[in-house]
All heavy atoms as atom14 arrays in JSON, in Angstrom:
{
  "sequence": "HMDTSPDMSGRDVKPRIVAYAGGDIVLNESLGVVLSPDVFPELNHY",
  "atom14_mask": [
    [1, 1, 1, 1, 1, 1, 1, 1, 1, 1, 0, 0, 0, 0],
    [1, 1, 1, 1, 1, 1, 1, 1, 0, 0, 0, 0, 0, 0],
    [1, 1, 1, 1, 1, 1, 1, 1, 0, 0, 0, 0, 0, 0],
    [1, 1, 1, 1, 1, 1, 1, 0, 0, 0, 0, 0, 0, 0],
    [1, 1, 1, 1, 1, 1, 0, 0, 0, 0, 0, 0, 0, 0],
    [1, 1, 1, 1, 1, 1, 1, 0, 0, 0, 0, 0, 0, 0],
    [1, 1, 1, 1, 1, 1, 1, 1, 0, 0, 0, 0, 0, 0],
    [1, 1, 1, 1, 1, 1, 1, 1, 0, 0, 0, 0, 0, 0],
    [1, 1, 1, 1, 1, 1, 0, 0, 0, 0, 0, 0, 0, 0],
    [1, 1, 1, 1, 0, 0, 0, 0, 0, 0, 0, 0, 0, 0],
    [1, 1, 1, 1, 1, 1, 1, 1, 1, 1, 1, 0, 0, 0],
    [1, 1, 1, 1, 1, 1, 1, 1, 0, 0, 0, 0, 0, 0],
    [1, 1, 1, 1, 1, 1, 1, 0, 0, 0, 0, 0, 0, 0],
    [1, 1, 1, 1, 1, 1, 1, 1, 1, 0, 0, 0, 0, 0],
    [1, 1, 1, 1, 1, 1, 1, 0, 0, 0, 0, 0, 0, 0],
    [1, 1, 1, 1, 1, 1, 1, 1, 1, 1, 1, 0, 0, 0],
    [1, 1, 1, 1, 1, 1, 1, 1, 0, 0, 0, 0, 0, 0],
    [1, 1, 1, 1, 1, 1, 1, 0, 0, 0, 0, 0, 0, 0],
    [1, 1, 1, 1, 1, 0, 0, 0, 0, 0, 0, 0, 0, 0],
    [1, 1, 1, 1, 1, 1, 1, 1, 1, 1, 1, 1, 0, 0],
    [1, 1, 1, 1, 1, 0, 0, 0, 0, 0, 0, 0, 0, 0],
    [1, 1, 1, 1, 0, 0, 0, 0, 0, 0, 0, 0, 0, 0],
    [1, 1, 1, 1, 0, 0, 0, 0, 0, 0, 0, 0, 0, 0],
    [1, 1, 1, 1, 1, 1, 1, 1, 0, 0, 0, 0, 0, 0],
    [1, 1, 1, 1, 1, 1, 1, 1, 0, 0, 0, 0, 0, 0],
    [1, 1, 1, 1, 1, 1, 1, 0, 0, 0, 0, 0, 0, 0],
    [1, 1, 1, 1, 1, 1, 1, 1, 0, 0, 0, 0, 0, 0],
    [1, 1, 1, 1, 1, 1, 1, 1, 0, 0, 0, 0, 0, 0],
    [1, 1, 1, 1, 1, 1, 1, 1, 1, 0, 0, 0, 0, 0],
    [1, 1, 1, 1, 1, 1, 0, 0, 0, 0, 0, 0, 0, 0],
    [1, 1, 1, 1, 1, 1, 1, 1, 0, 0, 0, 0, 0, 0],
    [1, 1, 1, 1, 0, 0, 0, 0, 0, 0, 0, 0, 0, 0],
    [1, 1, 1, 1, 1, 1, 1, 0, 0, 0, 0, 0, 0, 0],
    [1, 1, 1, 1, 1, 1, 1, 0, 0, 0, 0, 0, 0, 0],
    [1, 1, 1, 1, 1, 1, 1, 1, 0, 0, 0, 0, 0, 0],
    [1, 1, 1, 1, 1, 1, 0, 0, 0, 0, 0, 0, 0, 0],
    [1, 1, 1, 1, 1, 1, 1, 0, 0, 0, 0, 0, 0, 0],
    [1, 1, 1, 1, 1, 1, 1, 1, 0, 0, 0, 0, 0, 0],
    [1, 1, 1, 1, 1, 1, 1, 0, 0, 0, 0, 0, 0, 0],
    [1, 1, 1, 1, 1, 1, 1, 1, 1, 1, 1, 0, 0, 0],
    [1, 1, 1, 1, 1, 1, 1, 0, 0, 0, 0, 0, 0, 0],
    [1, 1, 1, 1, 1, 1, 1, 1, 1, 0, 0, 0, 0, 0],
    [1, 1, 1, 1, 1, 1, 1, 1, 0, 0, 0, 0, 0, 0],
    [1, 1, 1, 1, 1, 1, 1, 1, 0, 0, 0, 0, 0, 0],
    [1, 1, 1, 1, 1, 1, 1, 1, 1, 1, 0, 0, 0, 0],
    [1, 1, 1, 1, 1, 1, 1, 1, 1, 1, 1, 1, 0, 0]
  ],
  "atom14_positions": [
    [[4.6, -15.42, -7.56], [4.53, -14.4, -8.57], [4.67, -12.96, -7.96], [4.24, -12.75, -6.84], [3.23, -14.51, -9.39], [1.95, -14.31, -8.69], [1.35, -13.02, -8.53], [1.13, -15.17, -8.08], [0.22, -13.15, -7.89], [0.05, -14.42, -7.55], [0.0, 0.0, 0.0], [0.0, 0.0, 0.0], [0.0, 0.0, 0.0], [0.0, 0.0, 0.0]],
    [[5.23, -12.11, -8.73], [5.59, -10.76, -8.22], [4.47, -9.74, -8.49], [4.42, -8.72, -7.81], [6.88, -10.28, -8.93], [8.09, -11.16, -8.72], [9.51, -10.57, -9.63], [9.06, -11.02, -11.32], [0.0, 0.0, 0.0], [0.0, 0.0, 0.0], [0.0, 0.0, 0.0], [0.0, 0.0, 0.0], [0.0, 0.0, 0.0], [0.0, 0.0, 0.0]],
    [[3.55, -9.98, -9.45], [2.58, -8.99, -9.77], [1.39, -9.03, -8.86], [1.14, -10.01, -8.21], [2.11, -9.17, -11.23], [1.42, -10.48, -11.48], [1.88, -11.56, -10.98], [0.39, -10.48, -12.15], [0.0, 0.0, 0.0], [0.0, 0.0, 0.0], [0.0, 0.0, 0.0], [0.0, 0.0, 0.0], [0.0, 0.0, 0.0], [0.0, 0.0, 0.0]],
    [[0.72, -7.9, -8.81], [-0.57, -7.85, -8.09], [-1.69, -7.63, -9.11], [-1.5, -7.26, -10.22], [-0.58, -6.69, -7.05], [-0.39, -5.43, -7.72], [0.53, -6.94, -6.01], [0.0, 0.0, 0.0], [0.0, 0.0, 0.0], [0.0, 0.0, 0.0], [0.0, 0.0, 0.0], [0.0, 0.0, 0.0], [0.0, 0.0, 0.0], [0.0, 0.0, 0.0]],
    [[-2.93, -7.89, -8.61], [-4.1, -7.93, -9.49], [-4.44, -6.55, -10.07], [-4.36, -5.51, -9.38], [-5.3, -8.44, -8.71], [-6.5, -8.31, -9.41], [0.0, 0.0, 0.0], [0.0, 0.0, 0.0], [0.0, 0.0, 0.0], [0.0, 0.0, 0.0], [0.0, 0.0, 0.0], [0.0, 0.0, 0.0], [0.0, 0.0, 0.0], [0.0, 0.0, 0.0]],
    [[-4.89, -6.53, -11.31], [-5.46, -5.25, -11.91], [-6.79, -4.86, -11.31], [-7.28, -3.77, -11.6], [-5.62, -5.63, -13.36], [-4.89, -6.9, -13.63], [-4.84, -7.63, -12.33], [0.0, 0.0, 0.0], [0.0, 0.0, 0.0], [0.0, 0.0, 0.0], [0.0, 0.0, 0.0], [0.0, 0.0, 0.0], [0.0, 0.0, 0.0], [0.0, 0.0, 0.0]],
    [[-7.39, -5.74, -10.46], [-8.74, -5.43, -9.97], [-8.75, -4.16, -9.08], [-9.79, -3.56, -8.95], [-9.25, -6.63, -9.16], [-9.51, -7.86, -10.01], [-9.5, -7.72, -11.28], [-9.83, -8.93, -9.46], [0.0, 0.0, 0.0], [0.0, 0.0, 0.0], [0.0, 0.0, 0.0], [0.0, 0.0, 0.0], [0.0, 0.0, 0.0], [0.0, 0.0, 0.0]],
    [[-7.64, -3.85, -8.46], [-7.58, -2.66, -7.63], [-6.19, -2.13, -7.61], [-5.2, -2.88, -7.76], [-8.08, -2.95, -6.2], [-8.32, -1.69, -5.39], [-9.22, -1.97, -3.86], [-9.55, -0.29, -3.46], [0.0, 0.0, 0.0], [0.0, 0.0, 0.0], [0.0, 0.0, 0.0], [0.0, 0.0, 0.0], [0.0, 0.0, 0.0], [0.0, 0.0, 0.0]],
    [[-6.03, -0.84, -7.32], [-4.75, -0.16, -7.39], [-3.7, -0.84, -6.44], [-4.03, -1.2, -5.29], [-4.91, 1.27, -7.01], [-3.6, 1.9, -6.92], [0.0, 0.0, 0.0], [0.0, 0.0, 0.0], [0.0, 0.0, 0.0], [0.0, 0.0, 0.0], [0.0, 0.0, 0.0], [0.0, 0.0, 0.0], [0.0, 0.0, 0.0], [0.0, 0.0, 0.0]],
    [[-2.53, -1.01, -6.96], [-1.39, -1.48, -6.12], [-0.35, -0.41, -5.93], [0.8, -0.7, -5.53], [0.0, 0.0, 0.0], [0.0, 0.0, 0.0], [0.0, 0.0, 0.0], [0.0, 0.0, 0.0], [0.0, 0.0, 0.0], [0.0, 0.0, 0.0], [0.0, 0.0, 0.0], [0.0, 0.0, 0.0], [0.0, 0.0, 0.0], [0.0, 0.0, 0.0]],
    [[-0.74, 0.87, -6.29], [0.2, 1.98, -6.14], [0.09, 2.65, -4.79], [-1.01, 2.82, -4.25], [-0.1, 3.03, -7.26], [0.86, 4.2, -7.29], [0.34, 5.26, -8.29], [0.34, 4.71, -9.62], [1.32, 4.85, -10.47], [2.41, 5.54, -10.16], [1.21, 4.33, -11.68], [0.0, 0.0, 0.0], [0.0, 0.0, 0.0], [0.0, 0.0, 0.0]],
    [[1.22, 3.04, -4.22], [1.26, 3.68, -2.9], [0.52, 2.91, -1.8], [-0.27, 3.43, -1.07], [0.62, 5.11, -3.01], [1.4, 6.01, -3.93], [2.66, 5.9, -3.96], [0.78, 6.84, -4.66], [0.0, 0.0, 0.0], [0.0, 0.0, 0.0], [0.0, 0.0, 0.0], [0.0, 0.0, 0.0], [0.0, 0.0, 0.0], [0.0, 0.0, 0.0]],
    [[0.82, 1.59, -1.81], [0.27, 0.72, -0.76], [0.84, 1.17, 0.58], [2.04, 1.36, 0.77], [0.59, -0.72, -1.04], [0.13, -1.65, 0.11], [-0.04, -1.17, -2.35], [0.0, 0.0, 0.0], [0.0, 0.0, 0.0], [0.0, 0.0, 0.0], [0.0, 0.0, 0.0], [0.0, 0.0, 0.0], [0.0, 0.0, 0.0], [0.0, 0.0, 0.0]],
    [[-0.03, 1.36, 1.57], [0.37, 1.8, 2.91], [-0.12, 0.84, 3.98], [-1.12, 1.02, 4.65], [-0.23, 3.2, 3.19], [0.29, 4.33, 2.24], [-0.34, 5.66, 2.57], [0.19, 6.76, 1.7], [-0.19, 6.56, 0.27], [0.0, 0.0, 0.0], [0.0, 0.0, 0.0], [0.0, 0.0, 0.0], [0.0, 0.0, 0.0], [0.0, 0.0, 0.0]],
    [[0.61, -0.3, 4.05], [0.21, -1.32, 5.03], [0.49, -0.89, 6.44], [1.36, -0.09, 6.73], [1.06, -2.54, 4.63], [2.25, -1.95, 4.02], [1.83, -0.71, 3.33], [0.0, 0.0, 0.0], [0.0, 0.0, 0.0], [0.0, 0.0, 0.0], [0.0, 0.0, 0.0], [0.0, 0.0, 0.0], [0.0, 0.0, 0.0], [0.0, 0.0, 0.0]],
    [[-0.31, -1.42, 7.38], [-0.05, -1.19, 8.79], [-0.4, -2.45, 9.56], [-1.16, -3.28, 9.09], [-0.8, 0.0, 9.31], [-2.33, -0.15, 9.33], [-3.01, 1.12, 9.74], [-4.45, 1.06, 9.58], [-5.34, 0.76, 10.58], [-4.8, 0.53, 11.83], [-6.61, 0.69, 10.36], [0.0, 0.0, 0.0], [0.0, 0.0, 0.0], [0.0, 0.0, 0.0]],
    [[0.24, -2.56, 10.71], [0.05, -3.75, 11.58], [-0.9, -3.42, 12.68], [-0.73, -2.36, 13.35], [1.37, -4.25, 12.11], [2.31, -4.67, 10.96], [1.17, -5.47, 13.04], [3.7, -5.01, 11.41], [0.0, 0.0, 0.0], [0.0, 0.0, 0.0], [0.0, 0.0, 0.0], [0.0, 0.0, 0.0], [0.0, 0.0, 0.0], [0.0, 0.0, 0.0]],
    [[-1.94, -4.22, 12.89], [-2.86, -4.01, 13.99], [-2.8, -5.25, 14.9], [-2.74, -6.4, 14.4], [-4.26, -3.72, 13.49], [-4.34, -2.46, 12.67], [-4.87, -4.91, 12.73], [0.0, 0.0, 0.0], [0.0, 0.0, 0.0], [0.0, 0.0, 0.0], [0.0, 0.0, 0.0], [0.0, 0.0, 0.0], [0.0, 0.0, 0.0], [0.0, 0.0, 0.0]],
    [[-2.89, -5.04, 16.2], [-3.04, -6.14, 17.11], [-4.55, -6.37, 17.21], [-5.28, -5.57, 17.83], [-2.48, -5.78, 18.51], [0.0, 0.0, 0.0], [0.0, 0.0, 0.0], [0.0, 0.0, 0.0], [0.0, 0.0, 0.0], [0.0, 0.0, 0.0], [0.0, 0.0, 0.0], [0.0, 0.0, 0.0], [0.0, 0.0, 0.0], [0.0, 0.0, 0.0]],
    [[-4.96, -7.46, 16.62], [-6.42, -7.67, 16.48], [-7.06, -8.3, 17.75], [-6.75, -9.4, 18.17], [-6.7, -8.61, 15.33], [-8.24, -8.73, 15.02], [-8.99, -7.61, 14.85], [-8.78, -9.98, 14.87], [-10.34, -7.73, 14.55], [-10.14, -10.11, 14.64], [-10.93, -8.99, 14.47], [-12.26, -9.08, 14.18], [0.0, 0.0, 0.0], [0.0, 0.0, 0.0]],
    [[-7.93, -7.49, 18.38], [-8.61, -7.96, 19.6], [-10.09, -8.35, 19.36], [-10.82, -8.6, 20.31], [-8.58, -6.82, 20.63], [0.0, 0.0, 0.0], [0.0, 0.0, 0.0], [0.0, 0.0, 0.0], [0.0, 0.0, 0.0], [0.0, 0.0, 0.0], [0.0, 0.0, 0.0], [0.0, 0.0, 0.0], [0.0, 0.0, 0.0], [0.0, 0.0, 0.0]],
    [[-10.47, -8.37, 18.1], [-11.87, -8.73, 17.76], [-12.61, -7.49, 17.26], [-12.21, -6.35, 17.51], [0.0, 0.0, 0.0], [0.0, 0.0, 0.0], [0.0, 0.0, 0.0], [0.0, 0.0, 0.0], [0.0, 0.0, 0.0], [0.0, 0.0, 0.0], [0.0, 0.0, 0.0], [0.0, 0.0, 0.0], [0.0, 0.0, 0.0], [0.0, 0.0, 0.0]],
    [[-13.72, -7.72, 16.66], [-14.62, -6.62, 16.23], [-14.12, -6.04, 14.94], [-13.35, -6.61, 14.19], [0.0, 0.0, 0.0], [0.0, 0.0, 0.0], [0.0, 0.0, 0.0], [0.0, 0.0, 0.0], [0.0, 0.0, 0.0], [0.0, 0.0, 0.0], [0.0, 0.0, 0.0], [0.0, 0.0, 0.0], [0.0, 0.0, 0.0], [0.0, 0.0, 0.0]],
    [[-14.6, -4.81, 14.66], [-14.3, -4.12, 13.43], [-12.9, -3.45, 13.46], [-12.39, -3.08, 14.51], [-15.34, -2.99, 13.15], [-16.74, -3.47, 12.88], [-16.85, -4.72, 12.7], [-17.64, -2.68, 12.86], [0.0, 0.0, 0.0], [0.0, 0.0, 0.0], [0.0, 0.0, 0.0], [0.0, 0.0, 0.0], [0.0, 0.0, 0.0], [0.0, 0.0, 0.0]],
    [[-12.32, -3.44, 12.27], [-11.02, -2.68, 12.07], [-11.34, -1.55, 11.09], [-11.75, -1.8, 9.97], [-9.93, -3.62, 11.47], [-9.67, -4.82, 12.41], [-8.69, -2.78, 11.27], [-8.67, -5.79, 11.75], [0.0, 0.0, 0.0], [0.0, 0.0, 0.0], [0.0, 0.0, 0.0], [0.0, 0.0, 0.0], [0.0, 0.0, 0.0], [0.0, 0.0, 0.0]],
    [[-11.22, -0.33, 11.55], [-11.39, 0.8, 10.68], [-10.2, 0.99, 9.81], [-9.1, 1.35, 10.32], [-11.69, 2.09, 11.51], [-11.86, 3.29, 10.55], [-12.91, 1.9, 12.36], [0.0, 0.0, 0.0], [0.0, 0.0, 0.0], [0.0, 0.0, 0.0], [0.0, 0.0, 0.0], [0.0, 0.0, 0.0], [0.0, 0.0, 0.0], [0.0, 0.0, 0.0]],
    [[-10.33, 0.73, 8.54], [-9.21, 0.89, 7.62], [-9.0, 2.32, 7.16], [-7.88, 2.78, 7.02], [-9.41, -0.04, 6.36], [-9.59, -1.55, 6.65], [-9.83, -2.29, 5.32], [-8.31, -2.09, 7.34], [0.0, 0.0, 0.0], [0.0, 0.0, 0.0], [0.0, 0.0, 0.0], [0.0, 0.0, 0.0], [0.0, 0.0, 0.0], [0.0, 0.0, 0.0]],
    [[-10.11, 3.0, 6.94], [-10.06, 4.39, 6.48], [-11.3, 5.13, 6.99], [-12.39, 4.93, 6.42], [-9.97, 4.4, 4.95], [-9.61, 5.81, 4.42], [-10.27, 6.77, 4.72], [-8.5, 5.87, 3.68], [0.0, 0.0, 0.0], [0.0, 0.0, 0.0], [0.0, 0.0, 0.0], [0.0, 0.0, 0.0], [0.0, 0.0, 0.0], [0.0, 0.0, 0.0]],
    [[-11.09, 5.87, 8.03], [-12.22, 6.55, 8.61], [-12.87, 7.58, 7.69], [-14.12, 7.62, 7.64], [-11.74, 7.29, 9.9], [-12.88, 7.87, 10.76], [-12.4, 8.39, 12.12], [-11.17, 8.37, 12.33], [-13.27, 8.79, 12.88], [0.0, 0.0, 0.0], [0.0, 0.0, 0.0], [0.0, 0.0, 0.0], [0.0, 0.0, 0.0], [0.0, 0.0, 0.0]],
    [[-12.1, 8.33, 6.96], [-12.72, 9.37, 6.13], [-13.54, 8.77, 4.99], [-14.53, 9.39, 4.56], [-11.59, 10.27, 5.56], [-10.73, 9.53, 4.79], [0.0, 0.0, 0.0], [0.0, 0.0, 0.0], [0.0, 0.0, 0.0], [0.0, 0.0, 0.0], [0.0, 0.0, 0.0], [0.0, 0.0, 0.0], [0.0, 0.0, 0.0], [0.0, 0.0, 0.0]],
    [[-13.16, 7.62, 4.54], [-13.93, 6.96, 3.46], [-14.93, 5.95, 3.98], [-15.71, 5.36, 3.23], [-12.94, 6.21, 2.49], [-11.95, 7.13, 1.73], [-11.0, 6.22, 0.88], [-12.7, 8.1, 0.82], [0.0, 0.0, 0.0], [0.0, 0.0, 0.0], [0.0, 0.0, 0.0], [0.0, 0.0, 0.0], [0.0, 0.0, 0.0], [0.0, 0.0, 0.0]],
    [[-14.91, 5.73, 5.27], [-15.89, 4.78, 5.86], [-15.6, 3.33, 5.54], [-16.53, 2.51, 5.41], [0.0, 0.0, 0.0], [0.0, 0.0, 0.0], [0.0, 0.0, 0.0], [0.0, 0.0, 0.0], [0.0, 0.0, 0.0], [0.0, 0.0, 0.0], [0.0, 0.0, 0.0], [0.0, 0.0, 0.0], [0.0, 0.0, 0.0], [0.0, 0.0, 0.0]],
    [[-14.35, 2.98, 5.34], [-13.95, 1.61, 4.97], [-13.65, 0.86, 6.27], [-12.72, 1.17, 6.96], [-12.73, 1.58, 4.02], [-12.4, 0.16, 3.62], [-13.04, 2.42, 2.78], [0.0, 0.0, 0.0], [0.0, 0.0, 0.0], [0.0, 0.0, 0.0], [0.0, 0.0, 0.0], [0.0, 0.0, 0.0], [0.0, 0.0, 0.0], [0.0, 0.0, 0.0]],
    [[-14.43, -0.22, 6.46], [-14.29, -1.0, 7.71], [-14.14, -2.49, 7.37], [-14.92, -3.01, 6.57], [-15.51, -0.81, 8.61], [-15.42, -1.66, 9.87], [-15.66, 0.67, 9.0], [0.0, 0.0, 0.0], [0.0, 0.0, 0.0], [0.0, 0.0, 0.0], [0.0, 0.0, 0.0], [0.0, 0.0, 0.0], [0.0, 0.0, 0.0], [0.0, 0.0, 0.0]],
    [[-13.18, -3.13, 7.93], [-12.99, -4.58, 7.84], [-13.69, -5.16, 9.01], [-13.31, -5.02, 10.15], [-11.49, -4.92, 7.83], [-11.13, -6.36, 7.76], [-11.6, -7.04, 6.48], [-9.6, -6.53, 7.86], [0.0, 0.0, 0.0], [0.0, 0.0, 0.0], [0.0, 0.0, 0.0], [0.0, 0.0, 0.0], [0.0, 0.0, 0.0], [0.0, 0.0, 0.0]],
    [[-14.84, -5.85, 8.73], [-15.71, -6.31, 9.83], [-15.9, -7.84, 9.78], [-16.1, -8.4, 8.68], [-17.1, -5.64, 9.66], [-17.99, -6.18, 10.6], [0.0, 0.0, 0.0], [0.0, 0.0, 0.0], [0.0, 0.0, 0.0], [0.0, 0.0, 0.0], [0.0, 0.0, 0.0], [0.0, 0.0, 0.0], [0.0, 0.0, 0.0], [0.0, 0.0, 0.0]],
    [[-15.92, -8.47, 10.94], [-16.21, -9.87, 10.96], [-17.69, -10.19, 10.58], [-17.98, -11.36, 10.31], [-15.91, -10.32, 12.4], [-15.99, -9.06, 13.17], [-15.56, -7.96, 12.28], [0.0, 0.0, 0.0], [0.0, 0.0, 0.0], [0.0, 0.0, 0.0], [0.0, 0.0, 0.0], [0.0, 0.0, 0.0], [0.0, 0.0, 0.0], [0.0, 0.0, 0.0]],
    [[-18.53, -9.18, 10.62], [-19.93, -9.38, 10.17], [-19.95, -9.77, 8.67], [-20.82, -10.48, 8.22], [-20.75, -8.17, 10.41], [-20.92, -7.85, 11.86], [-20.82, -8.78, 12.68], [-21.16, -6.68, 12.23], [0.0, 0.0, 0.0], [0.0, 0.0, 0.0], [0.0, 0.0, 0.0], [0.0, 0.0, 0.0], [0.0, 0.0, 0.0], [0.0, 0.0, 0.0]],
    [[-18.99, -9.23, 7.9], [-18.91, -9.48, 6.48], [-17.89, -10.56, 6.21], [-18.06, -11.43, 5.3], [-18.52, -8.17, 5.72], [-18.44, -8.46, 4.22], [-19.51, -7.09, 5.99], [0.0, 0.0, 0.0], [0.0, 0.0, 0.0], [0.0, 0.0, 0.0], [0.0, 0.0, 0.0], [0.0, 0.0, 0.0], [0.0, 0.0, 0.0], [0.0, 0.0, 0.0]],
    [[-16.82, -10.56, 7.0], [-15.74, -11.53, 6.8], [-15.56, -12.22, 8.15], [-14.66, -11.99, 8.91], [-14.42, -10.78, 6.46], [-14.55, -9.87, 5.25], [-14.63, -8.52, 5.33], [-14.62, -10.46, 3.98], [-14.73, -7.7, 4.25], [-14.72, -9.63, 2.83], [-14.8, -8.26, 2.95], [0.0, 0.0, 0.0], [0.0, 0.0, 0.0], [0.0, 0.0, 0.0]],
    [[-16.39, -13.29, 8.34], [-16.34, -13.99, 9.66], [-15.03, -14.73, 9.94], [-14.75, -15.04, 11.09], [-17.52, -15.0, 9.54], [-17.82, -15.08, 8.08], [-17.43, -13.79, 7.47], [0.0, 0.0, 0.0], [0.0, 0.0, 0.0], [0.0, 0.0, 0.0], [0.0, 0.0, 0.0], [0.0, 0.0, 0.0], [0.0, 0.0, 0.0], [0.0, 0.0, 0.0]],
    [[-14.24, -14.98, 8.91], [-12.93, -15.63, 9.11], [-12.0, -14.81, 10.03], [-11.08, -15.32, 10.61], [-12.24, -15.86, 7.78], [-12.97, -16.78, 6.81], [-14.03, -16.04, 6.0], [-14.16, -14.81, 6.13], [-14.78, -16.75, 5.25], [0.0, 0.0, 0.0], [0.0, 0.0, 0.0], [0.0, 0.0, 0.0], [0.0, 0.0, 0.0], [0.0, 0.0, 0.0]],
    [[-12.3, -13.53, 10.14], [-11.5, -12.66, 11.03], [-11.49, -13.2, 12.46], [-10.53, -13.05, 13.18], [-12.03, -11.25, 11.05], [-11.51, -10.24, 10.0], [-12.39, -9.0, 10.03], [-10.05, -9.89, 10.3], [0.0, 0.0, 0.0], [0.0, 0.0, 0.0], [0.0, 0.0, 0.0], [0.0, 0.0, 0.0], [0.0, 0.0, 0.0], [0.0, 0.0, 0.0]],
    [[-12.56, -13.84, 12.84], [-12.67, -14.35, 14.21], [-11.64, -15.41, 14.49], [-11.35, -15.64, 15.65], [-14.05, -14.88, 14.47], [-15.15, -13.79, 14.48], [-14.96, -12.75, 15.11], [-16.27, -14.04, 13.81], [0.0, 0.0, 0.0], [0.0, 0.0, 0.0], [0.0, 0.0, 0.0], [0.0, 0.0, 0.0], [0.0, 0.0, 0.0], [0.0, 0.0, 0.0]],
    [[-11.09, -16.04, 13.44], [-10.02, -17.09, 13.67], [-8.7, -16.43, 14.06], [-7.81, -17.12, 14.51], [-9.82, -17.81, 12.38], [-11.02, -18.56, 11.88], [-11.16, -18.99, 10.55], [-12.18, -18.92, 12.49], [-12.32, -19.59, 10.44], [-12.95, -19.55, 11.53], [0.0, 0.0, 0.0], [0.0, 0.0, 0.0], [0.0, 0.0, 0.0], [0.0, 0.0, 0.0]],
    [[-8.56, -15.08, 13.93], [-7.28, -14.46, 14.12], [-7.29, -13.47, 15.31], [-6.37, -12.65, 15.4], [-6.93, -13.74, 12.82], [-6.86, -14.67, 11.69], [-7.85, -14.66, 10.65], [-5.84, -15.6, 11.51], [-7.81, -15.58, 9.62], [-5.76, -16.48, 10.47], [-6.79, -16.44, 9.49], [-6.76, -17.34, 8.48], [0.0, 0.0, 0.0], [0.0, 0.0, 0.0]]
  ]
}
């Protein structure tokens, strides 16, 4: 399917590629948005 969810904005998506070495990934420093294995332990698989 081509559509994305209405649950959150899909406008001006700015994806980036990170080489994941473990630990937290700061998605947006100014907003304090962090992708963390403490919350999402599946990150450790990658």
